[in-house]
Amino acid sequence: MIKIDFSFDTPHGKFADALHLPDDHGFTEAEIEAMKEQRRDNWIAVVTAPPVEAEPEPEYIEIDGVRYVKA
């Protein structure tokens, strides 16, 4: 198994990762570069995605010590 460490400086900060490939992987340098760039691009997509809005907390009312979801 070989480990290929790599990093990219991006407008969103430094991205660092590693590829773990079998010794006899057979990938060309171009294919390995494409894998690195795909990892970087996936990371950029995550850090630039709009935030997901959380579901609002339900309102509760309490009657005689029992909590009910307010409809």
PDB file of N, CA and C in Angstrom:
ATOM      1  N   MET A   1       0.862  -1.175   0.000  1.00  0.00           N
ATOM      2  CA  MET A   1       0.000   0.000   0.000  1.00  0.00           C
ATOM      3  C   MET A   1       0.903   1.231   0.000  1.00  0.00           C
ATOM      4  N   ILE A   2       0.566   2.190  -0.863  1.00  0.00           N
ATOM      5  CA  ILE A   2       1.306   3.447  -0.856  1.00  0.00           C
ATOM      6  C   ILE A   2       0.349   4.579  -0.489  1.00  0.00           C
ATOM      7  N   LYS A   3       0.899   5.546   0.176  1.00  0.00           N
ATOM      8  CA  LYS A   3       0.127   6.720   0.591  1.00  0.00           C
ATOM      9  C   LYS A   3       0.706   7.922  -0.147  1.00  0.00           C
ATOM     10  N   ILE A   4      -0.182   8.660  -0.819  1.00  0.00           N
ATOM     11  CA  ILE A   4       0.235   9.856  -1.541  1.00  0.00           C
ATOM     12  C   ILE A   4      -0.417  11.051  -0.857  1.00  0.00           C
ATOM     13  N   ASP A   5       0.369  11.791  -0.081  1.00  0.00           N
ATOM     14  CA  ASP A   5      -0.131  13.006   0.567  1.00  0.00           C
ATOM     15  C   ASP A   5      -0.149  14.126  -0.455  1.00  0.00           C
ATOM     16  N   PHE A   6      -1.168  14.989  -0.354  1.00  0.00           N
ATOM     17  CA  PHE A   6      -1.230  16.140  -1.251  1.00  0.00           C
ATOM     18  C   PHE A   6      -2.010  17.264  -0.587  1.00  0.00           C
ATOM     19  N   SER A   7      -1.827  18.466  -1.088  1.00  0.00           N
ATOM     20  CA  SER A   7      -2.575  19.611  -0.574  1.00  0.00           C
ATOM     21  C   SER A   7      -2.743  20.637  -1.686  1.00  0.00           C
ATOM     22  N   PHE A   8      -3.750  21.460  -1.522  1.00  0.00           N
ATOM     23  CA  PHE A   8      -4.035  22.551  -2.446  1.00  0.00           C
ATOM     24  C   PHE A   8      -4.329  23.792  -1.620  1.00  0.00           C
ATOM     25  N   ASP A   9      -3.810  24.926  -2.035  1.00  0.00           N
ATOM     26  CA  ASP A   9      -4.222  26.205  -1.468  1.00  0.00           C
ATOM     27  C   ASP A   9      -5.394  26.673  -2.309  1.00  0.00           C
ATOM     28  N   THR A  10      -6.512  26.969  -1.652  1.00  0.00           N
ATOM     29  CA  THR A  10      -7.715  27.401  -2.355  1.00  0.00           C
ATOM     30  C   THR A  10      -8.173  28.733  -1.771  1.00  0.00           C
ATOM     31  N   PRO A  11      -9.101  29.404  -2.430  1.00  0.00           N
ATOM     32  CA  PRO A  11      -9.655  30.635  -1.853  1.00  0.00           C
ATOM     33  C   PRO A  11     -10.388  30.374  -0.536  1.00  0.00           C
ATOM     34  N   HIS A  12     -10.665  29.108  -0.228  1.00  0.00           N
ATOM     35  CA  HIS A  12     -11.406  28.750   0.986  1.00  0.00           C
ATOM     36  C   HIS A  12     -10.488  28.172   2.059  1.00  0.00           C
ATOM     37  N   GLY A  13      -9.198  28.259   1.856  1.00  0.00           N
ATOM     38  CA  GLY A  13      -8.235  27.722   2.805  1.00  0.00           C
ATOM     39  C   GLY A  13      -7.459  26.572   2.191  1.00  0.00           C
ATOM     40  N   LYS A  14      -6.598  26.006   2.996  1.00  0.00           N
ATOM     41  CA  LYS A  14      -5.759  24.898   2.523  1.00  0.00           C
ATOM     42  C   LYS A  14      -6.531  23.591   2.648  1.00  0.00           C
ATOM     43  N   PHE A  15      -6.510  22.803   1.588  1.00  0.00           N
ATOM     44  CA  PHE A  15      -7.102  21.466   1.589  1.00  0.00           C
ATOM     45  C   PHE A  15      -5.968  20.456   1.548  1.00  0.00           C
ATOM     46  N   ALA A  16      -5.956  19.539   2.497  1.00  0.00           N
ATOM     47  CA  ALA A  16      -4.929  18.489   2.544  1.00  0.00           C
ATOM     48  C   ALA A  16      -5.617  17.145   2.702  1.00  0.00           C
ATOM     49  N   ASP A  17      -5.110  16.156   1.992  1.00  0.00           N
ATOM     50  CA  ASP A  17      -5.701  14.822   2.016  1.00  0.00           C
ATOM     51  C   ASP A  17      -4.622  13.818   1.614  1.00  0.00           C
ATOM     52  N   ALA A  18      -5.015  12.576   1.458  1.00  0.00           N
ATOM     53  CA  ALA A  18      -4.080  11.535   1.023  1.00  0.00           C
ATOM     54  C   ALA A  18      -4.838  10.479   0.231  1.00  0.00           C
ATOM     55  N   LEU A  19      -4.156   9.928  -0.743  1.00  0.00           N
ATOM     56  CA  LEU A  19      -4.678   8.781  -1.478  1.00  0.00           C
ATOM     57  C   LEU A  19      -3.950   7.544  -0.967  1.00  0.00           C
ATOM     58  N   HIS A  20      -4.685   6.485  -0.737  1.00  0.00           N
ATOM     59  CA  HIS A  20      -4.107   5.212  -0.322  1.00  0.00           C
ATOM     60  C   HIS A  20      -4.362   4.223  -1.454  1.00  0.00           C
ATOM     61  N   LEU A  21      -3.307   3.809  -2.112  1.00  0.00           N
ATOM     62  CA  LEU A  21      -3.432   2.935  -3.277  1.00  0.00           C
ATOM     63  C   LEU A  21      -2.594   1.675  -3.083  1.00  0.00           C
ATOM     64  N   PRO A  22      -3.030   0.571  -3.698  1.00  0.00           N
ATOM     65  CA  PRO A  22      -2.201  -0.634  -3.624  1.00  0.00           C
ATOM     66  C   PRO A  22      -0.877  -0.408  -4.353  1.00  0.00           C
ATOM     67  N   ASP A  23       0.148  -1.128  -3.961  1.00  0.00           N
ATOM     68  CA  ASP A  23       1.463  -0.991  -4.594  1.00  0.00           C
ATOM     69  C   ASP A  23       1.388  -1.188  -6.111  1.00  0.00           C
ATOM     70  N   ASP A  24       0.524  -2.060  -6.558  1.00  0.00           N
ATOM     71  CA  ASP A  24       0.422  -2.356  -7.997  1.00  0.00           C
ATOM     72  C   ASP A  24      -0.811  -1.688  -8.623  1.00  0.00           C
ATOM     73  N   HIS A  25      -1.107  -0.463  -8.213  1.00  0.00           N
ATOM     74  CA  HIS A  25      -2.349   0.211  -8.610  1.00  0.00           C
ATOM     75  C   HIS A  25      -2.504   0.392 -10.114  1.00  0.00           C
ATOM     76  N   GLY A  26      -1.477   0.691 -10.862  1.00  0.00           N
ATOM     77  CA  GLY A  26      -1.569   0.824 -12.316  1.00  0.00           C
ATOM     78  C   GLY A  26      -2.139   2.142 -12.812  1.00  0.00           C
ATOM     79  N   PHE A  27      -2.388   3.111 -11.923  1.00  0.00           N
ATOM     80  CA  PHE A  27      -2.896   4.414 -12.356  1.00  0.00           C
ATOM     81  C   PHE A  27      -1.768   5.238 -12.957  1.00  0.00           C
ATOM     82  N   THR A  28      -2.093   6.032 -13.974  1.00  0.00           N
ATOM     83  CA  THR A  28      -1.104   6.944 -14.549  1.00  0.00           C
ATOM     84  C   THR A  28      -1.016   8.178 -13.659  1.00  0.00           C
ATOM     85  N   GLU A  29       0.024   8.977 -13.871  1.00  0.00           N
ATOM     86  CA  GLU A  29       0.155  10.231 -13.119  1.00  0.00           C
ATOM     87  C   GLU A  29      -1.047  11.133 -13.375  1.00  0.00           C
ATOM     88  N   ALA A  30      -1.533  11.153 -14.612  1.00  0.00           N
ATOM     89  CA  ALA A  30      -2.700  11.983 -14.951  1.00  0.00           C
ATOM     90  C   ALA A  30      -3.943  11.513 -14.196  1.00  0.00           C
ATOM     91  N   GLU A  31      -4.127  10.208 -14.068  1.00  0.00           N
ATOM     92  CA  GLU A  31      -5.275   9.679 -13.330  1.00  0.00           C
ATOM     93  C   GLU A  31      -5.169  10.009 -11.844  1.00  0.00           C
ATOM     94  N   ILE A  32      -3.963   9.922 -11.310  1.00  0.00           N
ATOM     95  CA  ILE A  32      -3.754  10.263  -9.899  1.00  0.00           C
ATOM     96  C   ILE A  32      -4.019  11.747  -9.673  1.00  0.00           C
ATOM     97  N   GLU A  33      -3.551  12.606 -10.577  1.00  0.00           N
ATOM     98  CA  GLU A  33      -3.828  14.042 -10.463  1.00  0.00           C
ATOM     99  C   GLU A  33      -5.323  14.301 -10.522  1.00  0.00           C
ATOM    100  N   ALA A  34      -6.025  13.593 -11.400  1.00  0.00           N
ATOM    101  CA  ALA A  34      -7.478  13.757 -11.510  1.00  0.00           C
ATOM    102  C   ALA A  34      -8.169  13.350 -10.207  1.00  0.00           C
ATOM    103  N   MET A  35      -7.697  12.289  -9.548  1.00  0.00           N
ATOM    104  CA  MET A  35      -8.264  11.865  -8.269  1.00  0.00           C
ATOM    105  C   MET A  35      -8.060  12.945  -7.204  1.00  0.00           C
ATOM    106  N   LYS A  36      -6.863  13.523  -7.178  1.00  0.00           N
ATOM    107  CA  LYS A  36      -6.569  14.591  -6.219  1.00  0.00           C
ATOM    108  C   LYS A  36      -7.490  15.782  -6.455  1.00  0.00           C
ATOM    109  N   GLU A  37      -7.622  16.178  -7.721  1.00  0.00           N
ATOM    110  CA  GLU A  37      -8.456  17.336  -8.055  1.00  0.00           C
ATOM    111  C   GLU A  37      -9.931  17.066  -7.740  1.00  0.00           C
ATOM    112  N   GLN A  38     -10.382  15.832  -7.932  1.00  0.00           N
ATOM    113  CA  GLN A  38     -11.769  15.485  -7.610  1.00  0.00           C
ATOM    114  C   GLN A  38     -12.011  15.602  -6.111  1.00  0.00           C
ATOM    115  N   ARG A  39     -11.060  15.144  -5.305  1.00  0.00           N
ATOM    116  CA  ARG A  39     -11.189  15.281  -3.847  1.00  0.00           C
ATOM    117  C   ARG A  39     -11.262  16.756  -3.461  1.00  0.00           C
ATOM    118  N   ARG A  40     -10.374  17.568  -4.063  1.00  0.00           N
ATOM    119  CA  ARG A  40     -10.387  19.013  -3.788  1.00  0.00           C
ATOM    120  C   ARG A  40     -11.726  19.620  -4.193  1.00  0.00           C
ATOM    121  N   ASP A  41     -12.195  19.295  -5.390  1.00  0.00           N
ATOM    122  CA  ASP A  41     -13.450  19.860  -5.883  1.00  0.00           C
ATOM    123  C   ASP A  41     -14.632  19.458  -5.002  1.00  0.00           C
ATOM    124  N   ASN A  42     -14.648  18.212  -4.542  1.00  0.00           N
ATOM    125  CA  ASN A  42     -15.719  17.762  -3.640  1.00  0.00           C
ATOM    126  C   ASN A  42     -15.687  18.543  -2.331  1.00  0.00           C
ATOM    127  N   TRP A  43     -14.494  18.778  -1.805  1.00  0.00           N
ATOM    128  CA  TRP A  43     -14.358  19.548  -0.563  1.00  0.00           C
ATOM    129  C   TRP A  43     -14.853  20.978  -0.762  1.00  0.00           C
ATOM    130  N   ILE A  44     -14.472  21.608  -1.869  1.00  0.00           N
ATOM    131  CA  ILE A  44     -14.918  22.974  -2.151  1.00  0.00           C
ATOM    132  C   ILE A  44     -16.443  23.013  -2.259  1.00  0.00           C
ATOM    133  N   ALA A  45     -17.037  22.004  -2.878  1.00  0.00           N
ATOM    134  CA  ALA A  45     -18.497  21.958  -2.991  1.00  0.00           C
ATOM    135  C   ALA A  45     -19.153  21.908  -1.612  1.00  0.00           C
ATOM    136  N   VAL A  46     -18.542  21.188  -0.692  1.00  0.00           N
ATOM    137  CA  VAL A  46     -19.099  21.091   0.665  1.00  0.00           C
ATOM    138  C   VAL A  46     -18.953  22.417   1.405  1.00  0.00           C
ATOM    139  N   VAL A  47     -17.777  23.026   1.353  1.00  0.00           N
ATOM    140  CA  VAL A  47     -17.562  24.254   2.137  1.00  0.00           C
ATOM    141  C   VAL A  47     -18.259  25.464   1.533  1.00  0.00           C
ATOM    142  N   THR A  48     -18.667  25.396   0.281  1.00  0.00           N
ATOM    143  CA  THR A  48     -19.360  26.532  -0.333  1.00  0.00           C
ATOM    144  C   THR A  48     -20.858  26.301  -0.474  1.00  0.00           C
ATOM    145  N   ALA A  49     -21.345  25.136  -0.071  1.00  0.00           N
ATOM    146  CA  ALA A  49     -22.778  24.844  -0.166  1.00  0.00           C
ATOM    147  C   ALA A  49     -23.549  25.761   0.784  1.00  0.00           C
ATOM    148  N   PRO A  50     -24.735  26.196   0.354  1.00  0.00           N
ATOM    149  CA  PRO A  50     -25.528  27.027   1.269  1.00  0.00           C
ATOM    150  C   PRO A  50     -25.903  26.224   2.512  1.00  0.00           C
ATOM    151  N   PRO A  51     -26.018  26.891   3.641  1.00  0.00           N
ATOM    152  CA  PRO A  51     -26.360  26.167   4.869  1.00  0.00           C
ATOM    153  C   PRO A  51     -27.760  25.556   4.768  1.00  0.00           C
ATOM    154  N   VAL A  52     -27.902  24.410   5.386  1.00  0.00           N
ATOM    155  CA  VAL A  52     -29.198  23.741   5.436  1.00  0.00           C
ATOM    156  C   VAL A  52     -29.950  24.305   6.626  1.00  0.00           C
ATOM    157  N   GLU A  53     -31.174  24.738   6.368  1.00  0.00           N
ATOM    158  CA  GLU A  53     -31.964  25.291   7.473  1.00  0.00           C
ATOM    159  C   GLU A  53     -32.499  24.162   8.332  1.00  0.00           C
ATOM    160  N   ALA A  54     -32.345  24.324   9.623  1.00  0.00           N
ATOM    161  CA  ALA A  54     -32.827  23.314  10.560  1.00  0.00           C
ATOM    162  C   ALA A  54     -34.339  23.418  10.686  1.00  0.00           C
ATOM    163  N   GLU A  55     -34.940  22.289  10.983  1.00  0.00           N
ATOM    164  CA  GLU A  55     -36.376  22.280  11.241  1.00  0.00           C
ATOM    165  C   GLU A  55     -36.641  23.113  12.493  1.00  0.00           C
ATOM    166  N   PRO A  56     -37.685  23.926  12.477  1.00  0.00           N
ATOM    167  CA  PRO A  56     -37.973  24.705  13.692  1.00  0.00           C
ATOM    168  C   PRO A  56     -38.406  23.785  14.830  1.00  0.00           C
ATOM    169  N   GLU A  57     -38.019  24.169  16.026  1.00  0.00           N
ATOM    170  CA  GLU A  57     -38.412  23.399  17.204  1.00  0.00           C
ATOM    171  C   GLU A  57     -39.926  23.528  17.386  1.00  0.00           C
ATOM    172  N   PRO A  58     -40.596  22.424  17.680  1.00  0.00           N
ATOM    173  CA  PRO A  58     -42.045  22.532  17.897  1.00  0.00           C
ATOM    174  C   PRO A  58     -42.338  23.283  19.189  1.00  0.00           C
ATOM    175  N   GLU A  59     -43.488  23.938  19.214  1.00  0.00           N
ATOM    176  CA  GLU A  59     -43.916  24.615  20.434  1.00  0.00           C
ATOM    177  C   GLU A  59     -44.664  23.611  21.299  1.00  0.00           C
ATOM    178  N   TYR A  60     -44.461  23.713  22.587  1.00  0.00           N
ATOM    179  CA  TYR A  60     -45.125  22.813  23.522  1.00  0.00           C
ATOM    180  C   TYR A  60     -46.018  23.610  24.452  1.00  0.00           C
ATOM    181  N   ILE A  61     -47.074  22.946  24.889  1.00  0.00           N
ATOM    182  CA  ILE A  61     -47.863  23.480  25.992  1.00  0.00           C
ATOM    183  C   ILE A  61     -47.900  22.389  27.052  1.00  0.00           C
ATOM    184  N   GLU A  62     -48.072  22.808  28.281  1.00  0.00           N
ATOM    185  CA  GLU A  62     -48.104  21.834  29.371  1.00  0.00           C
ATOM    186  C   GLU A  62     -49.439  21.941  30.081  1.00  0.00           C
ATOM    187  N   ILE A  63     -50.097  20.806  30.225  1.00  0.00           N
ATOM    188  CA  ILE A  63     -51.379  20.766  30.932  1.00  0.00           C
ATOM    189  C   ILE A  63     -51.288  19.667  31.973  1.00  0.00           C
ATOM    190  N   ASP A  64     -51.477  20.037  33.201  1.00  0.00           N
ATOM    191  CA  ASP A  64     -51.426  19.099  34.318  1.00  0.00           C
ATOM    192  C   ASP A  64     -50.153  18.262  34.317  1.00  0.00           C
ATOM    193  N   GLY A  65     -49.019  18.905  34.017  1.00  0.00           N
ATOM    194  CA  GLY A  65     -47.739  18.236  34.069  1.00  0.00           C
ATOM    195  C   GLY A  65     -47.394  17.398  32.834  1.00  0.00           C
ATOM    196  N   VAL A  66     -48.253  17.416  31.802  1.00  0.00           N
ATOM    197  CA  VAL A  66     -47.999  16.651  30.583  1.00  0.00           C
ATOM    198  C   VAL A  66     -47.722  17.644  29.462  1.00  0.00           C
ATOM    199  N   ARG A  67     -46.616  17.394  28.734  1.00  0.00           N
ATOM    200  CA  ARG A  67     -46.249  18.281  27.605  1.00  0.00           C
ATOM    201  C   ARG A  67     -46.909  17.784  26.321  1.00  0.00           C
ATOM    202  N   TYR A  68     -47.507  18.727  25.603  1.00  0.00           N
ATOM    203  CA  TYR A  68     -48.153  18.422  24.323  1.00  0.00           C
ATOM    204  C   TYR A  68     -47.530  19.331  23.267  1.00  0.00           C
ATOM    205  N   VAL A  69     -47.453  18.821  22.044  1.00  0.00           N
ATOM    206  CA  VAL A  69     -46.996  19.654  20.932  1.00  0.00           C
ATOM    207  C   VAL A  69     -48.162  20.530  20.543  1.00  0.00           C
ATOM    208  N   LYS A  70     -47.885  21.835  20.495  1.00  0.00           N
ATOM    209  CA  LYS A  70     -48.912  22.792  20.128  1.00  0.00           C
ATOM    210  C   LYS A  70     -49.169  22.701  18.633  1.00  0.00           C
ATOM    211  N   ALA A  71     -50.425  22.525  18.260  1.00  0.00           N
ATOM    212  CA  ALA A  71     -50.783  22.384  16.832  1.00  0.00           C
ATOM    213  C   ALA A  71     -51.041  23.733  16.193  1.00  0.00           C
TER     214      ALA A  71
END
